[in-house]
Amino acid sequence: MKPLEGRVALVTGASQGIGRACALRLAAQGASVALAARNVEKLRQVEAEIAGAGGQAASFSMDVAQEEQIKTGFKAALDRFGKIDILVNNAGITRDQLVMRMKRADWNAVLDTNLTAPYLCIQAAIGAMLKQRWGRIINITSIFGQMGQAGQANYAASKAGLIGLTMAVAREVASRNITVNAVAPGWIETAMTEVLSPELRESMAKVIPLGRAGTDQEIAHAVSFLASPDSGYITGHVLNVNGGMLMG
């Protein structure tokens, strides 16, 4: 029997990158997966890939920056699958600029998507988890929420806030056998990073002890571990997946 057989996972930002990798990995571990993102066409491709491998998935259009879409999407997922056991808050955006030039709209957009949305998604999923007295909430934060990054005050603040949210909610729901953890990726090869210059990518690799960027698959393996029965005594934890970069 697969470790997540009979479980239902909802993954935000599941259409590409880390979210897609997490959805595929959780499905491979036996979970049924509710795929949430704005791009339904890409979600359908992930859904077909999961179905082709013998898994079960369904796609739900959801812009997590819109509270009503979160409520509607989670209700539809609960109607479809009957429960949500595992929530992966992965959706995120960047709007980079030096703080002295950063527009308030760009600050708000990043905080709304990267921090307020996970809070709203947790609220939408937590009722079902409390009722069944079992759940796994996994928030995708970032190394830049731990060490900061010039030009990303909004992004770093949102990801640091997500770590605080993780720990606070972990304390609130631990007595109901619900764990709440975060995964903090370092430099990962995704659509967000592939547009950067070769020079910048090379300079980043030099400050990583393992000497390379990580992959979305490596983040997905960390997420699937925290979603599994094997992680039942881990909560309020930030799992660093950064090739040693945070050591300095």
C-alpha atoms as a PDB file:
ATOM      1  CA  MET A   1       0.000   0.000   0.000  1.00  0.00           C
ATOM      2  CA  LYS A   2       1.254   3.469  -0.868  1.00  0.00           C
ATOM      3  CA  PRO A   3       1.882   5.777   2.125  1.00  0.00           C
ATOM      4  CA  LEU A   4      -0.753   8.341   1.116  1.00  0.00           C
ATOM      5  CA  GLU A   5      -3.375   5.895  -0.136  1.00  0.00           C
ATOM      6  CA  GLY A   6      -6.840   7.229   0.705  1.00  0.00           C
ATOM      7  CA  ARG A   7      -5.615  10.762   1.402  1.00  0.00           C
ATOM      8  CA  VAL A   8      -6.680  13.882  -0.489  1.00  0.00           C
ATOM      9  CA  ALA A   9      -4.210  16.704  -1.140  1.00  0.00           C
ATOM     10  CA  LEU A  10      -4.883  20.203  -2.421  1.00  0.00           C
ATOM     11  CA  VAL A  11      -1.931  21.988  -4.013  1.00  0.00           C
ATOM     12  CA  THR A  12      -2.034  25.666  -4.950  1.00  0.00           C
ATOM     13  CA  GLY A  13       0.056  26.904  -7.864  1.00  0.00           C
ATOM     14  CA  ALA A  14      -0.071  23.354  -9.215  1.00  0.00           C
ATOM     15  CA  SER A  15       0.157  24.234 -12.904  1.00  0.00           C
ATOM     16  CA  GLN A  16       3.953  24.448 -13.106  1.00  0.00           C
ATOM     17  CA  GLY A  17       7.274  24.326 -11.284  1.00  0.00           C
ATOM     18  CA  ILE A  18       7.346  23.283  -7.648  1.00  0.00           C
ATOM     19  CA  GLY A  19       3.556  23.014  -7.402  1.00  0.00           C
ATOM     20  CA  ARG A  20       3.344  20.664 -10.372  1.00  0.00           C
ATOM     21  CA  ALA A  21       6.201  18.545  -9.014  1.00  0.00           C
ATOM     22  CA  CYS A  22       4.501  18.333  -5.611  1.00  0.00           C
ATOM     23  CA  ALA A  23       1.187  17.301  -7.160  1.00  0.00           C
ATOM     24  CA  LEU A  24       2.834  14.560  -9.215  1.00  0.00           C
ATOM     25  CA  ARG A  25       4.821  13.291  -6.237  1.00  0.00           C
ATOM     26  CA  LEU A  26       1.821  13.211  -3.883  1.00  0.00           C
ATOM     27  CA  ALA A  27      -0.205  11.382  -6.528  1.00  0.00           C
ATOM     28  CA  ALA A  28       2.623   8.856  -6.972  1.00  0.00           C
ATOM     29  CA  GLN A  29       2.462   8.285  -3.203  1.00  0.00           C
ATOM     30  CA  GLY A  30      -1.232   7.394  -3.513  1.00  0.00           C
ATOM     31  CA  ALA A  31      -3.033  10.665  -2.749  1.00  0.00           C
ATOM     32  CA  SER A  32      -5.905  12.018  -4.798  1.00  0.00           C
ATOM     33  CA  VAL A  33      -4.940  15.550  -5.764  1.00  0.00           C
ATOM     34  CA  ALA A  34      -6.995  18.723  -6.144  1.00  0.00           C
ATOM     35  CA  LEU A  35      -4.998  20.924  -8.501  1.00  0.00           C
ATOM     36  CA  ALA A  36      -5.496  24.670  -8.028  1.00  0.00           C
ATOM     37  CA  ALA A  37      -4.131  27.547 -10.121  1.00  0.00           C
ATOM     38  CA  ARG A  38      -5.193  30.311 -12.487  1.00  0.00           C
ATOM     39  CA  ASN A  39      -4.152  28.499 -15.682  1.00  0.00           C
ATOM     40  CA  VAL A  40      -6.709  25.728 -16.078  1.00  0.00           C
ATOM     41  CA  GLU A  41      -5.242  24.578 -19.383  1.00  0.00           C
ATOM     42  CA  LYS A  42      -1.932  23.762 -17.696  1.00  0.00           C
ATOM     43  CA  LEU A  43      -3.773  22.164 -14.779  1.00  0.00           C
ATOM     44  CA  ARG A  44      -5.545  19.839 -17.196  1.00  0.00           C
ATOM     45  CA  GLN A  45      -2.164  18.707 -18.492  1.00  0.00           C
ATOM     46  CA  VAL A  46      -1.016  17.851 -14.953  1.00  0.00           C
ATOM     47  CA  GLU A  47      -4.339  16.123 -14.326  1.00  0.00           C
ATOM     48  CA  ALA A  48      -3.899  14.032 -17.470  1.00  0.00           C
ATOM     49  CA  GLU A  49      -0.352  13.136 -16.454  1.00  0.00           C
ATOM     50  CA  ILE A  50      -1.543  11.925 -13.057  1.00  0.00           C
ATOM     51  CA  ALA A  51      -4.405   9.964 -14.606  1.00  0.00           C
ATOM     52  CA  GLY A  52      -2.017   8.425 -17.124  1.00  0.00           C
ATOM     53  CA  ALA A  53       0.078   7.090 -14.254  1.00  0.00           C
ATOM     54  CA  GLY A  54      -2.978   5.535 -12.629  1.00  0.00           C
ATOM     55  CA  GLY A  55      -3.686   8.320 -10.135  1.00  0.00           C
ATOM     56  CA  GLN A  56      -6.683  10.533  -9.469  1.00  0.00           C
ATOM     57  CA  ALA A  57      -6.792  14.305  -9.796  1.00  0.00           C
ATOM     58  CA  ALA A  58      -9.165  17.151 -10.564  1.00  0.00           C
ATOM     59  CA  SER A  59      -8.505  20.744 -11.621  1.00  0.00           C
ATOM     60  CA  PHE A  60      -9.947  23.848  -9.965  1.00  0.00           C
ATOM     61  CA  SER A  61      -9.563  27.383 -11.298  1.00  0.00           C
ATOM     62  CA  MET A  62      -8.310  29.535  -8.434  1.00  0.00           C
ATOM     63  CA  ASP A  63      -6.571  32.889  -8.196  1.00  0.00           C
ATOM     64  CA  VAL A  64      -5.451  32.804  -4.563  1.00  0.00           C
ATOM     65  CA  ALA A  65      -5.218  36.598  -4.520  1.00  0.00           C
ATOM     66  CA  GLN A  66      -9.039  36.600  -4.680  1.00  0.00           C
ATOM     67  CA  GLU A  67     -10.696  35.523  -1.435  1.00  0.00           C
ATOM     68  CA  GLU A  68     -13.962  34.517  -3.089  1.00  0.00           C
ATOM     69  CA  GLN A  69     -12.125  32.255  -5.536  1.00  0.00           C
ATOM     70  CA  ILE A  70     -10.427  30.505  -2.610  1.00  0.00           C
ATOM     71  CA  LYS A  71     -13.786  29.900  -0.920  1.00  0.00           C
ATOM     72  CA  THR A  72     -15.408  28.689  -4.136  1.00  0.00           C
ATOM     73  CA  GLY A  73     -12.448  26.516  -5.121  1.00  0.00           C
ATOM     74  CA  PHE A  74     -12.127  24.805  -1.750  1.00  0.00           C
ATOM     75  CA  LYS A  75     -15.864  24.152  -1.611  1.00  0.00           C
ATOM     76  CA  ALA A  76     -15.710  22.579  -5.066  1.00  0.00           C
ATOM     77  CA  ALA A  77     -12.736  20.423  -4.034  1.00  0.00           C
ATOM     78  CA  LEU A  78     -14.524  19.283  -0.879  1.00  0.00           C
ATOM     79  CA  ASP A  79     -17.638  18.494  -2.900  1.00  0.00           C
ATOM     80  CA  ARG A  80     -15.534  16.501  -5.366  1.00  0.00           C
ATOM     81  CA  PHE A  81     -13.372  14.539  -2.939  1.00  0.00           C
ATOM     82  CA  GLY A  82     -15.292  14.730   0.344  1.00  0.00           C
ATOM     83  CA  LYS A  83     -12.316  15.914   2.403  1.00  0.00           C
ATOM     84  CA  ILE A  84      -8.909  17.579   2.330  1.00  0.00           C
ATOM     85  CA  ASP A  85      -6.196  15.812   4.322  1.00  0.00           C
ATOM     86  CA  ILE A  86      -3.130  17.617   2.976  1.00  0.00           C
ATOM     87  CA  LEU A  87      -2.792  21.283   2.020  1.00  0.00           C
ATOM     88  CA  VAL A  88       0.272  22.522   0.160  1.00  0.00           C
ATOM     89  CA  ASN A  89       0.389  26.336   0.024  1.00  0.00           C
ATOM     90  CA  ASN A  90       2.740  26.805  -2.897  1.00  0.00           C
ATOM     91  CA  ALA A  91       1.336  29.639  -5.050  1.00  0.00           C
ATOM     92  CA  GLY A  92       3.572  32.687  -5.037  1.00  0.00           C
ATOM     93  CA  ILE A  93       4.646  35.720  -7.057  1.00  0.00           C
ATOM     94  CA  THR A  94       7.456  38.269  -7.152  1.00  0.00           C
ATOM     95  CA  ARG A  95       7.389  42.006  -7.894  1.00  0.00           C
ATOM     96  CA  ASP A  96      11.040  42.935  -7.421  1.00  0.00           C
ATOM     97  CA  GLN A  97      12.254  46.478  -6.823  1.00  0.00           C
ATOM     98  CA  LEU A  98      14.470  48.354  -4.381  1.00  0.00           C
ATOM     99  CA  VAL A  99      12.406  49.377  -1.377  1.00  0.00           C
ATOM    100  CA  MET A 100      12.899  53.107  -2.037  1.00  0.00           C
ATOM    101  CA  ARG A 101      11.235  52.669  -5.437  1.00  0.00           C
ATOM    102  CA  MET A 102       8.758  49.899  -4.655  1.00  0.00           C
ATOM    103  CA  LYS A 103       5.164  50.785  -5.455  1.00  0.00           C
ATOM    104  CA  ARG A 104       2.562  50.118  -2.800  1.00  0.00           C
ATOM    105  CA  ALA A 105       0.581  48.077  -5.329  1.00  0.00           C
ATOM    106  CA  ASP A 106       3.548  45.722  -5.803  1.00  0.00           C
ATOM    107  CA  TRP A 107       3.988  45.375  -2.045  1.00  0.00           C
ATOM    108  CA  ASN A 108       0.295  44.562  -1.632  1.00  0.00           C
ATOM    109  CA  ALA A 109       0.185  42.114  -4.540  1.00  0.00           C
ATOM    110  CA  VAL A 110       3.048  40.030  -3.160  1.00  0.00           C
ATOM    111  CA  LEU A 111       1.746  40.034   0.422  1.00  0.00           C
ATOM    112  CA  ASP A 112      -1.773  39.172  -0.770  1.00  0.00           C
ATOM    113  CA  THR A 113      -0.614  36.171  -2.804  1.00  0.00           C
ATOM    114  CA  ASN A 114       2.279  34.896  -0.695  1.00  0.00           C
ATOM    115  CA  LEU A 115       0.980  35.431   2.841  1.00  0.00           C
ATOM    116  CA  THR A 116      -2.695  36.365   3.020  1.00  0.00           C
ATOM    117  CA  ALA A 117      -3.671  33.615   0.582  1.00  0.00           C
ATOM    118  CA  PRO A 118      -2.061  30.802   2.642  1.00  0.00           C
ATOM    119  CA  TYR A 119      -3.895  32.111   5.714  1.00  0.00           C
ATOM    120  CA  LEU A 120      -7.194  32.028   3.799  1.00  0.00           C
ATOM    121  CA  CYS A 121      -6.458  28.576   2.365  1.00  0.00           C
ATOM    122  CA  ILE A 122      -5.693  27.244   5.840  1.00  0.00           C
ATOM    123  CA  GLN A 123      -8.998  28.653   7.074  1.00  0.00           C
ATOM    124  CA  ALA A 124     -10.801  26.987   4.181  1.00  0.00           C
ATOM    125  CA  ALA A 125      -9.222  23.572   4.797  1.00  0.00           C
ATOM    126  CA  ILE A 126      -8.880  23.441   8.562  1.00  0.00           C
ATOM    127  CA  GLY A 127     -12.504  22.614   9.358  1.00  0.00           C
ATOM    128  CA  ALA A 128     -12.361  19.258   7.591  1.00  0.00           C
ATOM    129  CA  MET A 129      -9.017  18.433   9.209  1.00  0.00           C
ATOM    130  CA  LEU A 130     -10.257  19.300  12.707  1.00  0.00           C
ATOM    131  CA  LYS A 131     -13.343  17.150  12.211  1.00  0.00           C
ATOM    132  CA  GLN A 132     -11.342  14.084  11.232  1.00  0.00           C
ATOM    133  CA  ARG A 133      -8.533  14.850  13.703  1.00  0.00           C
ATOM    134  CA  TRP A 134      -5.816  14.428  11.080  1.00  0.00           C
ATOM    135  CA  GLY A 135      -4.134  16.791   8.700  1.00  0.00           C
ATOM    136  CA  ARG A 136      -0.933  17.999   7.107  1.00  0.00           C
ATOM    137  CA  ILE A 137      -0.393  21.658   6.184  1.00  0.00           C
ATOM    138  CA  ILE A 138       2.812  22.440   4.294  1.00  0.00           C
ATOM    139  CA  ASN A 139       3.726  26.010   3.403  1.00  0.00           C
ATOM    140  CA  ILE A 140       6.348  26.727   0.751  1.00  0.00           C
ATOM    141  CA  THR A 141       8.430  29.594   2.080  1.00  0.00           C
ATOM    142  CA  SER A 142      11.913  30.618   0.874  1.00  0.00           C
ATOM    143  CA  ILE A 143      15.495  31.002   1.980  1.00  0.00           C
ATOM    144  CA  PHE A 144      14.990  34.724   1.355  1.00  0.00           C
ATOM    145  CA  GLY A 145      12.409  34.772   4.135  1.00  0.00           C
ATOM    146  CA  GLN A 146      15.264  33.664   6.406  1.00  0.00           C
ATOM    147  CA  MET A 147      18.182  35.753   5.156  1.00  0.00           C
ATOM    148  CA  GLY A 148      16.588  38.584   3.153  1.00  0.00           C
ATOM    149  CA  GLN A 149      17.394  39.616  -0.397  1.00  0.00           C
ATOM    150  CA  ALA A 150      18.079  43.058  -1.839  1.00  0.00           C
ATOM    151  CA  GLY A 151      15.340  44.149  -4.212  1.00  0.00           C
ATOM    152  CA  GLN A 152      12.853  41.710  -2.684  1.00  0.00           C
ATOM    153  CA  ALA A 153      11.639  43.411   0.488  1.00  0.00           C
ATOM    154  CA  ASN A 154       8.040  42.453  -0.309  1.00  0.00           C
ATOM    155  CA  TYR A 155       8.882  38.840  -1.192  1.00  0.00           C
ATOM    156  CA  ALA A 156      11.220  38.350   1.788  1.00  0.00           C
ATOM    157  CA  ALA A 157       8.666  39.861   4.173  1.00  0.00           C
ATOM    158  CA  SER A 158       5.899  37.632   2.842  1.00  0.00           C
ATOM    159  CA  LYS A 159       8.001  34.491   3.162  1.00  0.00           C
ATOM    160  CA  ALA A 160       9.232  35.422   6.647  1.00  0.00           C
ATOM    161  CA  GLY A 161       5.621  36.019   7.626  1.00  0.00           C
ATOM    162  CA  LEU A 162       4.714  32.601   6.273  1.00  0.00           C
ATOM    163  CA  ILE A 163       7.217  31.028   8.665  1.00  0.00           C
ATOM    164  CA  GLY A 164       5.562  32.840  11.580  1.00  0.00           C
ATOM    165  CA  LEU A 165       2.123  31.747  10.356  1.00  0.00           C
ATOM    166  CA  THR A 166       3.360  28.159  10.158  1.00  0.00           C
ATOM    167  CA  MET A 167       4.522  28.137  13.772  1.00  0.00           C
ATOM    168  CA  ALA A 168       1.448  29.906  15.147  1.00  0.00           C
ATOM    169  CA  VAL A 169      -1.021  27.567  13.444  1.00  0.00           C
ATOM    170  CA  ALA A 170       1.088  24.544  14.402  1.00  0.00           C
ATOM    171  CA  ARG A 171       0.568  25.455  18.054  1.00  0.00           C
ATOM    172  CA  GLU A 172      -3.161  26.002  17.572  1.00  0.00           C
ATOM    173  CA  VAL A 173      -3.965  22.634  15.985  1.00  0.00           C
ATOM    174  CA  ALA A 174      -1.357  20.213  17.357  1.00  0.00           C
ATOM    175  CA  SER A 175      -3.813  18.700  19.838  1.00  0.00           C
ATOM    176  CA  ARG A 176      -5.985  17.579  16.910  1.00  0.00           C
ATOM    177  CA  ASN A 177      -3.174  15.585  15.272  1.00  0.00           C
ATOM    178  CA  ILE A 178      -2.679  18.205  12.568  1.00  0.00           C
ATOM    179  CA  THR A 179       0.904  19.115  11.735  1.00  0.00           C
ATOM    180  CA  VAL A 180       1.911  22.414  10.157  1.00  0.00           C
ATOM    181  CA  ASN A 181       5.359  22.748   8.631  1.00  0.00           C
ATOM    182  CA  ALA A 182       7.204  24.797   6.036  1.00  0.00           C
ATOM    183  CA  VAL A 183       9.675  23.920   3.313  1.00  0.00           C
ATOM    184  CA  ALA A 184      12.211  26.658   2.539  1.00  0.00           C
ATOM    185  CA  PRO A 185      13.737  26.178  -0.915  1.00  0.00           C
ATOM    186  CA  GLY A 186      17.009  27.835  -1.795  1.00  0.00           C
ATOM    187  CA  TRP A 187      18.101  28.382  -5.390  1.00  0.00           C
ATOM    188  CA  ILE A 188      15.779  26.144  -7.430  1.00  0.00           C
ATOM    189  CA  GLU A 189      15.601  25.819 -11.213  1.00  0.00           C
ATOM    190  CA  THR A 190      12.061  26.990 -12.013  1.00  0.00           C
ATOM    191  CA  ALA A 191      10.295  29.275 -14.492  1.00  0.00           C
ATOM    192  CA  MET A 192      11.001  32.134 -12.046  1.00  0.00           C
ATOM    193  CA  THR A 193      14.773  31.610 -12.213  1.00  0.00           C
ATOM    194  CA  GLU A 194      15.329  30.488 -15.800  1.00  0.00           C
ATOM    195  CA  VAL A 195      14.897  34.063 -17.060  1.00  0.00           C
ATOM    196  CA  LEU A 196      17.911  35.257 -15.057  1.00  0.00           C
ATOM    197  CA  SER A 197      21.236  35.943 -16.741  1.00  0.00           C
ATOM    198  CA  PRO A 198      23.858  33.180 -17.009  1.00  0.00           C
ATOM    199  CA  GLU A 199      26.253  35.395 -15.046  1.00  0.00           C
ATOM    200  CA  LEU A 200      23.852  35.699 -12.119  1.00  0.00           C
ATOM    201  CA  ARG A 201      23.089  31.975 -12.181  1.00  0.00           C
ATOM    202  CA  GLU A 202      26.809  31.194 -12.128  1.00  0.00           C
ATOM    203  CA  SER A 203      27.470  33.588  -9.238  1.00  0.00           C
ATOM    204  CA  MET A 204      24.615  32.049  -7.246  1.00  0.00           C
ATOM    205  CA  ALA A 205      26.010  28.537  -7.734  1.00  0.00           C
ATOM    206  CA  LYS A 206      29.314  29.684  -6.248  1.00  0.00           C
ATOM    207  CA  VAL A 207      27.721  30.497  -2.879  1.00  0.00           C
ATOM    208  CA  ILE A 208      25.967  27.117  -2.595  1.00  0.00           C
ATOM    209  CA  PRO A 209      28.141  24.512  -0.833  1.00  0.00           C
ATOM    210  CA  LEU A 210      26.746  21.736  -3.043  1.00  0.00           C
ATOM    211  CA  GLY A 211      27.715  23.841  -6.065  1.00  0.00           C
ATOM    212  CA  ARG A 212      24.443  23.681  -7.970  1.00  0.00           C
ATOM    213  CA  ALA A 213      20.841  24.782  -8.011  1.00  0.00           C
ATOM    214  CA  GLY A 214      18.193  22.444  -6.685  1.00  0.00           C
ATOM    215  CA  THR A 215      15.327  20.911  -8.635  1.00  0.00           C
ATOM    216  CA  ASP A 216      11.589  21.093  -8.164  1.00  0.00           C
ATOM    217  CA  GLN A 217      11.667  17.317  -7.646  1.00  0.00           C
ATOM    218  CA  GLU A 218      13.876  17.750  -4.588  1.00  0.00           C
ATOM    219  CA  ILE A 219      11.362  20.161  -3.080  1.00  0.00           C
ATOM    220  CA  ALA A 220       8.535  17.754  -3.909  1.00  0.00           C
ATOM    221  CA  HIS A 221      10.294  14.931  -2.055  1.00  0.00           C
ATOM    222  CA  ALA A 222      10.579  17.133   1.040  1.00  0.00           C
ATOM    223  CA  VAL A 223       6.873  17.999   0.789  1.00  0.00           C
ATOM    224  CA  SER A 224       5.821  14.372   0.371  1.00  0.00           C
ATOM    225  CA  PHE A 225       7.846  13.425   3.457  1.00  0.00           C
ATOM    226  CA  LEU A 226       6.114  16.094   5.559  1.00  0.00           C
ATOM    227  CA  ALA A 227       2.758  14.876   4.206  1.00  0.00           C
ATOM    228  CA  SER A 228       3.479  11.258   5.069  1.00  0.00           C
ATOM    229  CA  PRO A 229       2.769   9.222   8.227  1.00  0.00           C
ATOM    230  CA  ASP A 230       6.546   9.155   8.819  1.00  0.00           C
ATOM    231  CA  SER A 231       6.497  12.853   9.779  1.00  0.00           C
ATOM    232  CA  GLY A 232       3.793  12.593  12.431  1.00  0.00           C
ATOM    233  CA  TYR A 233       6.015  13.929  15.238  1.00  0.00           C
ATOM    234  CA  ILE A 234       7.277  16.948  13.286  1.00  0.00           C
ATOM    235  CA  THR A 235       5.360  20.215  13.517  1.00  0.00           C
ATOM    236  CA  GLY A 236       6.204  23.921  13.536  1.00  0.00           C
ATOM    237  CA  HIS A 237       9.383  23.081  11.624  1.00  0.00           C
ATOM    238  CA  VAL A 238      11.072  24.789   8.680  1.00  0.00           C
ATOM    239  CA  LEU A 239      12.769  22.199   6.472  1.00  0.00           C
ATOM    240  CA  ASN A 240      15.630  23.877   4.598  1.00  0.00           C
ATOM    241  CA  VAL A 241      16.255  22.511   1.105  1.00  0.00           C
ATOM    242  CA  ASN A 242      18.998  24.840  -0.098  1.00  0.00           C
ATOM    243  CA  GLY A 243      22.205  22.899  -0.781  1.00  0.00           C
ATOM    244  CA  GLY A 244      23.771  24.334   2.372  1.00  0.00           C
ATOM    245  CA  MET A 245      23.374  27.949   1.226  1.00  0.00           C
ATOM    246  CA  LEU A 246      22.012  29.183   4.557  1.00  0.00           C
ATOM    247  CA  MET A 247      25.197  28.079   6.354  1.00  0.00           C
ATOM    248  CA  GLY A 248      26.876  31.154   4.874  1.00  0.00           C
END
